[in-house]
Amino acid sequence: MVNITHVDWLRLATSFNYASQLETIANSSVNEINFLSYDDSFANDVLGPDFSQEFITQTSWTAFHEAGVYNIETGKLYATSNWAGSADNPINVTAIDISNNNSVESIRYDHLAEANGACAYYPPGTPVNSSEGQAIVFCDEGDFDHPSRLTLVEPATNTSRVLLNNFLGRNFSSLND
């Protein structure tokens, strides 16, 4: 079952009880999907009138932590996993192949040590509604051997490169989202 709760901004700003109710909704049962909608366009334009849910997989690790980015060319949704508490098991990227029976794979890219938040990237001049040159920019929190950085991943070619790894010569301290 999918539930959408439209958030009343004024009430949220003035009522601790209301904020607590929203927190309860957000953290409720894993047997249903609950959305908190902060803008009507989320339900109308993002989800649309005929949206549905489908259970795709269950993994032994937290495969879908954040950074859900859809790549048009590959037909896959990319998400970062959550740290499993061991340096031997770093954060990875999990891809759901929406165009191929929702198969799931775990991926590691060069130049991406501890992926966190991400967004779709379109090169300047890309035509509107085009997938031409679409890539993903990940926030890489870094690890003991690699500084935190922004990394561009091109899923269609499985290539990656560091975009930025410092600010005025100083290393970032764990880029996030």
N, C-alpha and C. Protein backbone atom coordinates (compact mmCIF):
# COMPACT_ATOMS: atom_id res chain seq x y z
N MET A 1 0.84 -1.17 0.00
CA MET A 1 0.00 0.00 0.00
C MET A 1 0.88 1.24 0.00
N VAL A 2 0.47 2.27 -0.74
CA VAL A 2 1.21 3.52 -0.81
C VAL A 2 0.36 4.62 -0.18
N ASN A 3 0.97 5.34 0.76
CA ASN A 3 0.29 6.45 1.42
C ASN A 3 1.06 7.73 1.15
N ILE A 4 0.34 8.79 0.82
CA ILE A 4 0.96 10.10 0.63
C ILE A 4 0.35 11.04 1.66
N THR A 5 1.20 11.61 2.49
CA THR A 5 0.76 12.60 3.46
C THR A 5 1.24 13.96 3.00
N HIS A 6 0.32 14.87 2.74
CA HIS A 6 0.67 16.23 2.33
C HIS A 6 1.03 17.02 3.58
N VAL A 7 2.21 17.59 3.61
CA VAL A 7 2.71 18.31 4.78
C VAL A 7 2.20 19.74 4.77
N ASP A 8 1.64 20.15 5.89
CA ASP A 8 1.19 21.52 6.10
C ASP A 8 2.37 22.29 6.70
N TRP A 9 3.03 23.12 5.89
CA TRP A 9 4.24 23.81 6.31
C TRP A 9 4.03 24.68 7.55
N LEU A 10 2.94 25.44 7.57
CA LEU A 10 2.69 26.32 8.71
C LEU A 10 2.49 25.51 9.99
N ARG A 11 1.73 24.45 9.88
CA ARG A 11 1.51 23.59 11.05
C ARG A 11 2.81 22.94 11.50
N LEU A 12 3.64 22.52 10.54
CA LEU A 12 4.92 21.91 10.87
C LEU A 12 5.81 22.90 11.62
N ALA A 13 5.78 24.16 11.20
CA ALA A 13 6.63 25.18 11.81
C ALA A 13 6.16 25.58 13.21
N THR A 14 4.92 25.25 13.55
CA THR A 14 4.37 25.74 14.82
C THR A 14 3.93 24.64 15.78
N SER A 15 4.07 23.38 15.39
CA SER A 15 3.55 22.32 16.24
C SER A 15 4.52 21.15 16.37
N PHE A 16 5.05 20.96 17.58
CA PHE A 16 5.91 19.82 17.83
C PHE A 16 5.14 18.51 17.68
N ASN A 17 3.87 18.51 18.09
CA ASN A 17 3.06 17.30 17.97
C ASN A 17 2.90 16.88 16.51
N TYR A 18 2.67 17.86 15.63
CA TYR A 18 2.53 17.56 14.20
C TYR A 18 3.85 17.02 13.65
N ALA A 19 4.96 17.64 14.04
CA ALA A 19 6.27 17.16 13.59
C ALA A 19 6.50 15.72 14.06
N SER A 20 6.08 15.42 15.26
CA SER A 20 6.21 14.06 15.79
C SER A 20 5.34 13.08 15.00
N GLN A 21 4.14 13.51 14.63
CA GLN A 21 3.26 12.66 13.82
C GLN A 21 3.91 12.35 12.47
N LEU A 22 4.51 13.36 11.85
CA LEU A 22 5.17 13.15 10.56
C LEU A 22 6.36 12.20 10.69
N GLU A 23 7.09 12.33 11.79
CA GLU A 23 8.22 11.42 12.03
C GLU A 23 7.73 9.99 12.16
N THR A 24 6.62 9.80 12.84
CA THR A 24 6.05 8.47 13.00
C THR A 24 5.64 7.89 11.65
N ILE A 25 5.05 8.72 10.80
CA ILE A 25 4.66 8.27 9.46
C ILE A 25 5.90 7.87 8.65
N ALA A 26 6.92 8.71 8.70
CA ALA A 26 8.14 8.46 7.92
C ALA A 26 8.85 7.19 8.36
N ASN A 27 8.75 6.85 9.63
CA ASN A 27 9.47 5.69 10.17
C ASN A 27 8.56 4.50 10.44
N SER A 28 7.42 4.46 9.79
CA SER A 28 6.47 3.38 10.05
C SER A 28 6.85 2.10 9.33
N SER A 29 5.96 1.19 9.28
CA SER A 29 6.15 -0.18 8.78
C SER A 29 6.89 -0.23 7.44
N VAL A 30 7.73 -1.25 7.31
CA VAL A 30 8.41 -1.48 6.04
C VAL A 30 7.53 -2.26 5.07
N ASN A 31 6.33 -2.62 5.50
CA ASN A 31 5.42 -3.37 4.64
C ASN A 31 4.58 -2.46 3.76
N GLU A 32 4.76 -1.18 3.89
CA GLU A 32 4.04 -0.23 3.05
C GLU A 32 4.97 0.93 2.73
N ILE A 33 4.58 1.72 1.76
CA ILE A 33 5.39 2.87 1.36
C ILE A 33 4.67 4.13 1.81
N ASN A 34 5.39 4.98 2.53
CA ASN A 34 4.84 6.24 3.00
C ASN A 34 5.67 7.39 2.46
N PHE A 35 5.02 8.32 1.79
CA PHE A 35 5.69 9.52 1.30
C PHE A 35 5.19 10.71 2.10
N LEU A 36 6.11 11.61 2.43
CA LEU A 36 5.74 12.91 2.95
C LEU A 36 5.91 13.87 1.79
N SER A 37 4.83 14.48 1.37
CA SER A 37 4.85 15.38 0.22
C SER A 37 4.88 16.82 0.71
N TYR A 38 5.98 17.51 0.44
CA TYR A 38 6.14 18.90 0.86
C TYR A 38 5.66 19.87 -0.21
N ASP A 39 5.27 19.35 -1.36
CA ASP A 39 4.77 20.17 -2.46
C ASP A 39 3.83 19.30 -3.28
N ASP A 40 2.68 19.84 -3.66
CA ASP A 40 1.70 19.06 -4.42
C ASP A 40 2.25 18.53 -5.74
N SER A 41 3.25 19.22 -6.29
CA SER A 41 3.80 18.76 -7.57
C SER A 41 4.48 17.39 -7.43
N PHE A 42 4.89 17.01 -6.20
CA PHE A 42 5.50 15.69 -6.01
C PHE A 42 4.51 14.60 -6.39
N ALA A 43 3.32 14.66 -5.84
CA ALA A 43 2.30 13.64 -6.13
C ALA A 43 1.78 13.77 -7.55
N ASN A 44 1.61 14.99 -8.02
CA ASN A 44 1.01 15.21 -9.34
C ASN A 44 1.98 15.00 -10.49
N ASP A 45 3.18 15.55 -10.37
CA ASP A 45 4.12 15.54 -11.49
C ASP A 45 5.19 14.45 -11.41
N VAL A 46 5.64 14.13 -10.20
CA VAL A 46 6.68 13.12 -10.05
C VAL A 46 6.08 11.72 -10.04
N LEU A 47 5.13 11.48 -9.14
CA LEU A 47 4.51 10.16 -9.06
C LEU A 47 3.45 9.96 -10.13
N GLY A 48 2.65 10.97 -10.39
CA GLY A 48 1.58 10.85 -11.38
C GLY A 48 0.36 10.15 -10.80
N PRO A 49 -0.72 10.10 -11.58
CA PRO A 49 -1.99 9.58 -11.05
C PRO A 49 -2.05 8.06 -10.92
N ASP A 50 -1.24 7.33 -11.65
CA ASP A 50 -1.36 5.87 -11.67
C ASP A 50 -0.10 5.17 -11.17
N PHE A 51 0.56 5.73 -10.16
CA PHE A 51 1.78 5.11 -9.66
C PHE A 51 1.45 3.85 -8.87
N SER A 52 2.45 2.98 -8.75
CA SER A 52 2.27 1.75 -8.00
C SER A 52 3.59 1.38 -7.33
N GLN A 53 3.56 0.37 -6.51
CA GLN A 53 4.77 -0.11 -5.86
C GLN A 53 5.03 -1.55 -6.27
N GLU A 54 6.29 -1.94 -6.19
CA GLU A 54 6.65 -3.32 -6.49
C GLU A 54 7.87 -3.68 -5.65
N PHE A 55 7.80 -4.80 -4.94
CA PHE A 55 8.94 -5.28 -4.17
C PHE A 55 9.92 -5.91 -5.15
N ILE A 56 11.15 -5.41 -5.18
CA ILE A 56 12.12 -5.87 -6.16
C ILE A 56 13.09 -6.89 -5.59
N THR A 57 13.66 -6.59 -4.44
CA THR A 57 14.66 -7.51 -3.89
C THR A 57 14.88 -7.25 -2.41
N GLN A 58 15.50 -8.20 -1.78
CA GLN A 58 15.94 -8.06 -0.41
C GLN A 58 17.40 -8.47 -0.38
N THR A 59 18.24 -7.65 0.20
CA THR A 59 19.68 -7.94 0.24
C THR A 59 20.13 -8.11 1.68
N SER A 60 21.30 -8.70 1.83
CA SER A 60 21.85 -8.91 3.17
C SER A 60 22.53 -7.64 3.70
N TRP A 61 22.64 -6.62 2.88
CA TRP A 61 23.23 -5.35 3.28
C TRP A 61 22.25 -4.23 2.92
N THR A 62 22.51 -3.05 3.42
CA THR A 62 21.64 -1.91 3.14
C THR A 62 22.01 -1.38 1.75
N ALA A 63 21.44 -1.99 0.73
CA ALA A 63 21.82 -1.69 -0.65
C ALA A 63 21.30 -0.35 -1.14
N PHE A 64 20.21 0.11 -0.59
CA PHE A 64 19.56 1.32 -1.10
C PHE A 64 19.48 2.38 -0.01
N HIS A 65 20.58 3.09 0.17
CA HIS A 65 20.66 4.10 1.23
C HIS A 65 20.22 5.47 0.71
N GLU A 66 20.85 5.94 -0.35
CA GLU A 66 20.49 7.23 -0.92
C GLU A 66 21.04 7.36 -2.33
N ALA A 67 20.81 8.53 -2.92
CA ALA A 67 21.32 8.85 -4.26
C ALA A 67 20.60 8.11 -5.37
N GLY A 68 19.33 7.97 -5.31
CA GLY A 68 18.59 7.32 -6.39
C GLY A 68 18.61 8.17 -7.64
N VAL A 69 19.40 7.78 -8.63
CA VAL A 69 19.52 8.53 -9.88
C VAL A 69 19.24 7.58 -11.04
N TYR A 70 18.29 7.96 -11.89
CA TYR A 70 17.95 7.14 -13.06
C TYR A 70 18.78 7.59 -14.24
N ASN A 71 19.41 6.64 -14.94
CA ASN A 71 20.17 6.94 -16.15
C ASN A 71 19.38 6.44 -17.34
N ILE A 72 19.02 7.33 -18.22
CA ILE A 72 18.16 7.01 -19.36
C ILE A 72 18.82 6.01 -20.30
N GLU A 73 20.10 6.22 -20.61
CA GLU A 73 20.79 5.38 -21.59
C GLU A 73 20.91 3.92 -21.14
N THR A 74 21.18 3.70 -19.86
CA THR A 74 21.33 2.32 -19.38
C THR A 74 20.00 1.73 -18.91
N GLY A 75 19.01 2.58 -18.65
CA GLY A 75 17.72 2.09 -18.14
C GLY A 75 17.81 1.60 -16.71
N LYS A 76 18.81 2.11 -15.97
CA LYS A 76 19.03 1.66 -14.59
C LYS A 76 18.87 2.80 -13.59
N LEU A 77 18.45 2.42 -12.39
CA LEU A 77 18.39 3.32 -11.26
C LEU A 77 19.58 3.01 -10.37
N TYR A 78 20.39 4.03 -10.08
CA TYR A 78 21.61 3.85 -9.29
C TYR A 78 21.41 4.43 -7.89
N ALA A 79 21.78 3.67 -6.86
CA ALA A 79 21.67 4.11 -5.48
C ALA A 79 22.94 3.71 -4.74
N THR A 80 23.27 4.47 -3.71
CA THR A 80 24.42 4.09 -2.90
C THR A 80 23.95 3.22 -1.74
N SER A 81 24.82 2.31 -1.32
CA SER A 81 24.51 1.46 -0.18
C SER A 81 24.90 2.20 1.10
N ASN A 82 24.74 1.56 2.22
CA ASN A 82 25.15 2.13 3.49
C ASN A 82 26.37 1.36 3.99
N TRP A 83 27.23 2.03 4.73
CA TRP A 83 28.44 1.40 5.23
C TRP A 83 28.08 0.23 6.12
N ALA A 84 28.74 -0.88 5.92
CA ALA A 84 28.43 -2.11 6.66
C ALA A 84 29.28 -2.27 7.91
N GLY A 85 30.03 -1.23 8.29
CA GLY A 85 30.79 -1.29 9.52
C GLY A 85 32.16 -1.92 9.41
N SER A 86 32.64 -2.10 8.19
CA SER A 86 33.94 -2.74 8.00
C SER A 86 34.69 -2.08 6.86
N ALA A 87 35.97 -1.80 7.07
CA ALA A 87 36.79 -1.23 6.01
C ALA A 87 36.94 -2.21 4.84
N ASP A 88 36.72 -3.50 5.10
CA ASP A 88 36.80 -4.51 4.05
C ASP A 88 35.54 -4.54 3.19
N ASN A 89 34.49 -3.85 3.61
CA ASN A 89 33.23 -3.85 2.88
C ASN A 89 32.75 -2.41 2.71
N PRO A 90 33.41 -1.66 1.81
CA PRO A 90 33.06 -0.24 1.66
C PRO A 90 31.70 -0.06 0.99
N ILE A 91 31.25 1.17 1.03
CA ILE A 91 30.00 1.53 0.36
C ILE A 91 30.16 1.28 -1.13
N ASN A 92 29.13 0.76 -1.73
CA ASN A 92 29.16 0.53 -3.17
C ASN A 92 27.93 1.15 -3.81
N VAL A 93 27.83 1.03 -5.10
CA VAL A 93 26.67 1.51 -5.85
C VAL A 93 25.85 0.29 -6.24
N THR A 94 24.56 0.37 -6.04
CA THR A 94 23.65 -0.70 -6.41
C THR A 94 22.81 -0.20 -7.58
N ALA A 95 22.70 -1.01 -8.62
CA ALA A 95 21.92 -0.62 -9.80
C ALA A 95 20.75 -1.57 -10.00
N ILE A 96 19.58 -0.99 -10.25
CA ILE A 96 18.39 -1.77 -10.59
C ILE A 96 18.15 -1.57 -12.07
N ASP A 97 18.19 -2.64 -12.83
CA ASP A 97 17.96 -2.57 -14.28
C ASP A 97 16.46 -2.59 -14.54
N ILE A 98 15.87 -1.42 -14.57
CA ILE A 98 14.42 -1.28 -14.73
C ILE A 98 13.96 -1.82 -16.08
N SER A 99 14.81 -1.73 -17.08
CA SER A 99 14.43 -2.19 -18.42
C SER A 99 14.63 -3.69 -18.62
N ASN A 100 15.17 -4.39 -17.59
CA ASN A 100 15.46 -5.81 -17.74
C ASN A 100 15.01 -6.58 -16.49
N ASN A 101 13.72 -6.67 -16.28
CA ASN A 101 13.14 -7.45 -15.18
C ASN A 101 13.63 -7.04 -13.79
N ASN A 102 14.03 -5.79 -13.63
CA ASN A 102 14.46 -5.27 -12.33
C ASN A 102 15.61 -6.05 -11.71
N SER A 103 16.51 -6.56 -12.53
CA SER A 103 17.68 -7.26 -11.98
C SER A 103 18.53 -6.26 -11.19
N VAL A 104 19.20 -6.75 -10.16
CA VAL A 104 19.98 -5.90 -9.27
C VAL A 104 21.43 -6.32 -9.30
N GLU A 105 22.34 -5.34 -9.36
CA GLU A 105 23.77 -5.64 -9.32
C GLU A 105 24.49 -4.63 -8.44
N SER A 106 25.57 -5.07 -7.84
CA SER A 106 26.42 -4.22 -7.03
C SER A 106 27.62 -3.82 -7.88
N ILE A 107 27.93 -2.53 -7.90
CA ILE A 107 28.98 -2.01 -8.79
C ILE A 107 29.99 -1.20 -7.99
N ARG A 108 31.25 -1.31 -8.36
CA ARG A 108 32.28 -0.43 -7.82
C ARG A 108 32.94 0.26 -9.01
N TYR A 109 33.15 1.56 -8.87
CA TYR A 109 33.77 2.35 -9.93
C TYR A 109 35.13 2.85 -9.47
N ASP A 110 36.07 2.94 -10.41
CA ASP A 110 37.35 3.58 -10.12
C ASP A 110 37.06 5.02 -9.68
N HIS A 111 37.91 5.56 -8.83
CA HIS A 111 37.80 6.94 -8.35
C HIS A 111 36.59 7.17 -7.46
N LEU A 112 35.97 6.11 -6.95
CA LEU A 112 34.79 6.26 -6.09
C LEU A 112 34.95 5.30 -4.91
N ALA A 113 35.48 5.82 -3.79
CA ALA A 113 35.80 4.97 -2.64
C ALA A 113 34.59 4.74 -1.74
N GLU A 114 33.89 5.81 -1.34
CA GLU A 114 32.77 5.73 -0.40
C GLU A 114 31.64 6.63 -0.91
N ALA A 115 30.92 6.14 -1.89
CA ALA A 115 29.86 6.93 -2.53
C ALA A 115 28.77 7.30 -1.54
N ASN A 116 28.26 8.52 -1.69
CA ASN A 116 27.16 8.97 -0.84
C ASN A 116 26.10 9.57 -1.74
N GLY A 117 25.74 10.81 -1.55
CA GLY A 117 24.72 11.44 -2.37
C GLY A 117 25.16 11.54 -3.82
N ALA A 118 24.20 11.76 -4.70
CA ALA A 118 24.51 11.88 -6.13
C ALA A 118 23.38 12.61 -6.83
N CYS A 119 23.67 13.03 -8.05
CA CYS A 119 22.63 13.65 -8.89
C CYS A 119 22.97 13.39 -10.35
N ALA A 120 21.95 13.48 -11.18
CA ALA A 120 22.18 13.35 -12.63
C ALA A 120 22.93 14.59 -13.10
N TYR A 121 23.79 14.40 -14.08
CA TYR A 121 24.56 15.50 -14.65
C TYR A 121 24.36 15.50 -16.16
N TYR A 122 24.07 16.67 -16.69
CA TYR A 122 23.93 16.86 -18.14
C TYR A 122 24.92 17.94 -18.55
N PRO A 123 25.78 17.68 -19.53
CA PRO A 123 26.75 18.68 -19.94
C PRO A 123 26.07 19.97 -20.39
N PRO A 124 26.73 21.10 -20.22
CA PRO A 124 26.15 22.37 -20.69
C PRO A 124 25.79 22.27 -22.17
N GLY A 125 24.63 22.81 -22.52
CA GLY A 125 24.18 22.78 -23.90
C GLY A 125 23.39 21.54 -24.27
N THR A 126 23.20 20.62 -23.33
CA THR A 126 22.41 19.42 -23.61
C THR A 126 20.97 19.82 -23.88
N PRO A 127 20.38 19.32 -24.98
CA PRO A 127 18.98 19.65 -25.26
C PRO A 127 18.06 19.21 -24.12
N VAL A 128 17.02 20.00 -23.87
CA VAL A 128 16.04 19.67 -22.84
C VAL A 128 15.41 18.32 -23.15
N ASN A 129 15.16 17.52 -22.13
CA ASN A 129 14.56 16.18 -22.26
C ASN A 129 15.41 15.22 -23.08
N SER A 130 16.70 15.45 -23.11
CA SER A 130 17.61 14.58 -23.84
C SER A 130 18.46 13.79 -22.86
N SER A 131 18.87 12.61 -23.25
CA SER A 131 19.78 11.83 -22.42
C SER A 131 21.22 11.96 -22.91
N GLU A 132 21.42 12.80 -23.90
CA GLU A 132 22.74 12.96 -24.50
C GLU A 132 23.79 13.36 -23.45
N GLY A 133 24.78 12.52 -23.27
CA GLY A 133 25.87 12.83 -22.35
C GLY A 133 25.53 12.70 -20.88
N GLN A 134 24.37 12.14 -20.56
CA GLN A 134 23.96 12.05 -19.16
C GLN A 134 24.95 11.22 -18.36
N ALA A 135 25.32 11.73 -17.20
CA ALA A 135 26.24 11.04 -16.29
C ALA A 135 25.71 11.21 -14.87
N ILE A 136 26.46 10.73 -13.90
CA ILE A 136 26.08 10.87 -12.50
C ILE A 136 27.26 11.46 -11.74
N VAL A 137 27.01 12.48 -10.93
CA VAL A 137 28.03 13.03 -10.05
C VAL A 137 27.76 12.51 -8.65
N PHE A 138 28.75 11.79 -8.10
CA PHE A 138 28.65 11.25 -6.74
C PHE A 138 29.48 12.08 -5.77
N CYS A 139 28.98 12.27 -4.57
CA CYS A 139 29.78 12.77 -3.47
C CYS A 139 30.52 11.55 -2.92
N ASP A 140 31.82 11.61 -2.91
CA ASP A 140 32.64 10.52 -2.39
C ASP A 140 33.18 10.97 -1.04
N GLU A 141 32.79 10.28 0.03
CA GLU A 141 33.23 10.67 1.37
C GLU A 141 34.72 10.42 1.59
N GLY A 142 35.33 9.62 0.74
CA GLY A 142 36.74 9.31 0.88
C GLY A 142 36.98 8.23 1.93
N ASP A 143 38.23 7.80 2.02
CA ASP A 143 38.62 6.80 3.02
C ASP A 143 40.05 7.11 3.46
N PHE A 144 40.72 6.16 4.10
CA PHE A 144 42.07 6.41 4.60
C PHE A 144 43.08 6.68 3.48
N ASP A 145 42.80 6.16 2.29
CA ASP A 145 43.74 6.29 1.18
C ASP A 145 43.32 7.30 0.11
N HIS A 146 42.07 7.72 0.13
CA HIS A 146 41.56 8.62 -0.91
C HIS A 146 40.83 9.79 -0.27
N PRO A 147 41.17 11.01 -0.68
CA PRO A 147 40.46 12.15 -0.10
C PRO A 147 39.01 12.21 -0.59
N SER A 148 38.20 12.92 0.15
CA SER A 148 36.82 13.14 -0.26
C SER A 148 36.83 13.93 -1.57
N ARG A 149 35.85 13.67 -2.43
CA ARG A 149 35.86 14.31 -3.75
C ARG A 149 34.50 14.19 -4.43
N LEU A 150 34.34 14.94 -5.50
CA LEU A 150 33.19 14.78 -6.40
C LEU A 150 33.68 13.97 -7.58
N THR A 151 32.97 12.90 -7.89
CA THR A 151 33.37 11.99 -8.96
C THR A 151 32.28 11.88 -10.00
N LEU A 152 32.65 12.05 -11.26
CA LEU A 152 31.72 11.90 -12.38
C LEU A 152 31.78 10.46 -12.88
N VAL A 153 30.63 9.80 -12.92
CA VAL A 153 30.55 8.42 -13.42
C VAL A 153 29.68 8.43 -14.67
N GLU A 154 30.18 7.79 -15.71
CA GLU A 154 29.40 7.60 -16.93
C GLU A 154 28.98 6.14 -16.98
N PRO A 155 27.76 5.83 -16.51
CA PRO A 155 27.33 4.44 -16.40
C PRO A 155 27.30 3.69 -17.73
N ALA A 156 27.02 4.38 -18.81
CA ALA A 156 26.93 3.70 -20.11
C ALA A 156 28.27 3.14 -20.55
N THR A 157 29.38 3.78 -20.11
CA THR A 157 30.71 3.32 -20.50
C THR A 157 31.50 2.75 -19.32
N ASN A 158 30.91 2.77 -18.13
CA ASN A 158 31.58 2.32 -16.91
C ASN A 158 32.90 3.05 -16.67
N THR A 159 32.93 4.32 -16.99
CA THR A 159 34.12 5.13 -16.75
C THR A 159 33.82 6.16 -15.67
N SER A 160 34.88 6.63 -15.03
CA SER A 160 34.72 7.63 -13.98
C SER A 160 35.95 8.51 -13.94
N ARG A 161 35.76 9.72 -13.40
CA ARG A 161 36.90 10.62 -13.22
C ARG A 161 36.59 11.59 -12.09
N VAL A 162 37.62 12.02 -11.43
CA VAL A 162 37.48 12.97 -10.33
C VAL A 162 37.24 14.36 -10.92
N LEU A 163 36.20 15.02 -10.43
CA LEU A 163 35.92 16.39 -10.87
C LEU A 163 36.60 17.41 -9.96
N LEU A 164 36.52 17.16 -8.66
CA LEU A 164 37.03 18.12 -7.69
C LEU A 164 37.40 17.38 -6.41
N ASN A 165 38.62 17.64 -5.90
CA ASN A 165 39.02 16.94 -4.68
C ASN A 165 39.59 17.86 -3.60
N ASN A 166 39.39 19.17 -3.78
CA ASN A 166 39.87 20.10 -2.75
C ASN A 166 39.19 21.45 -2.92
N PHE A 167 39.35 22.27 -1.92
CA PHE A 167 38.90 23.66 -1.99
C PHE A 167 40.09 24.52 -1.64
N LEU A 168 40.57 25.26 -2.63
CA LEU A 168 41.74 26.11 -2.46
C LEU A 168 42.92 25.34 -1.88
N GLY A 169 43.10 24.11 -2.37
CA GLY A 169 44.23 23.29 -1.96
C GLY A 169 44.03 22.48 -0.69
N ARG A 170 42.91 22.66 -0.03
CA ARG A 170 42.64 21.90 1.20
C ARG A 170 41.68 20.76 0.89
N ASN A 171 42.01 19.57 1.40
CA ASN A 171 41.13 18.42 1.19
C ASN A 171 39.76 18.66 1.79
N PHE A 172 38.75 18.11 1.14
CA PHE A 172 37.40 18.14 1.71
C PHE A 172 37.37 17.19 2.91
N SER A 173 36.44 17.42 3.78
CA SER A 173 36.26 16.56 4.94
C SER A 173 34.95 15.81 4.81
N SER A 174 34.94 14.75 4.01
CA SER A 174 33.79 13.86 3.87
C SER A 174 32.58 14.52 3.24
N LEU A 175 32.67 14.80 1.92
CA LEU A 175 31.53 15.34 1.19
C LEU A 175 30.32 14.44 1.36
N ASN A 176 29.17 15.04 1.53
CA ASN A 176 27.96 14.27 1.78
C ASN A 176 26.79 14.99 1.13
N ASP A 177 26.05 14.29 0.31
CA ASP A 177 24.85 14.81 -0.36
C ASP A 177 25.14 16.04 -1.17
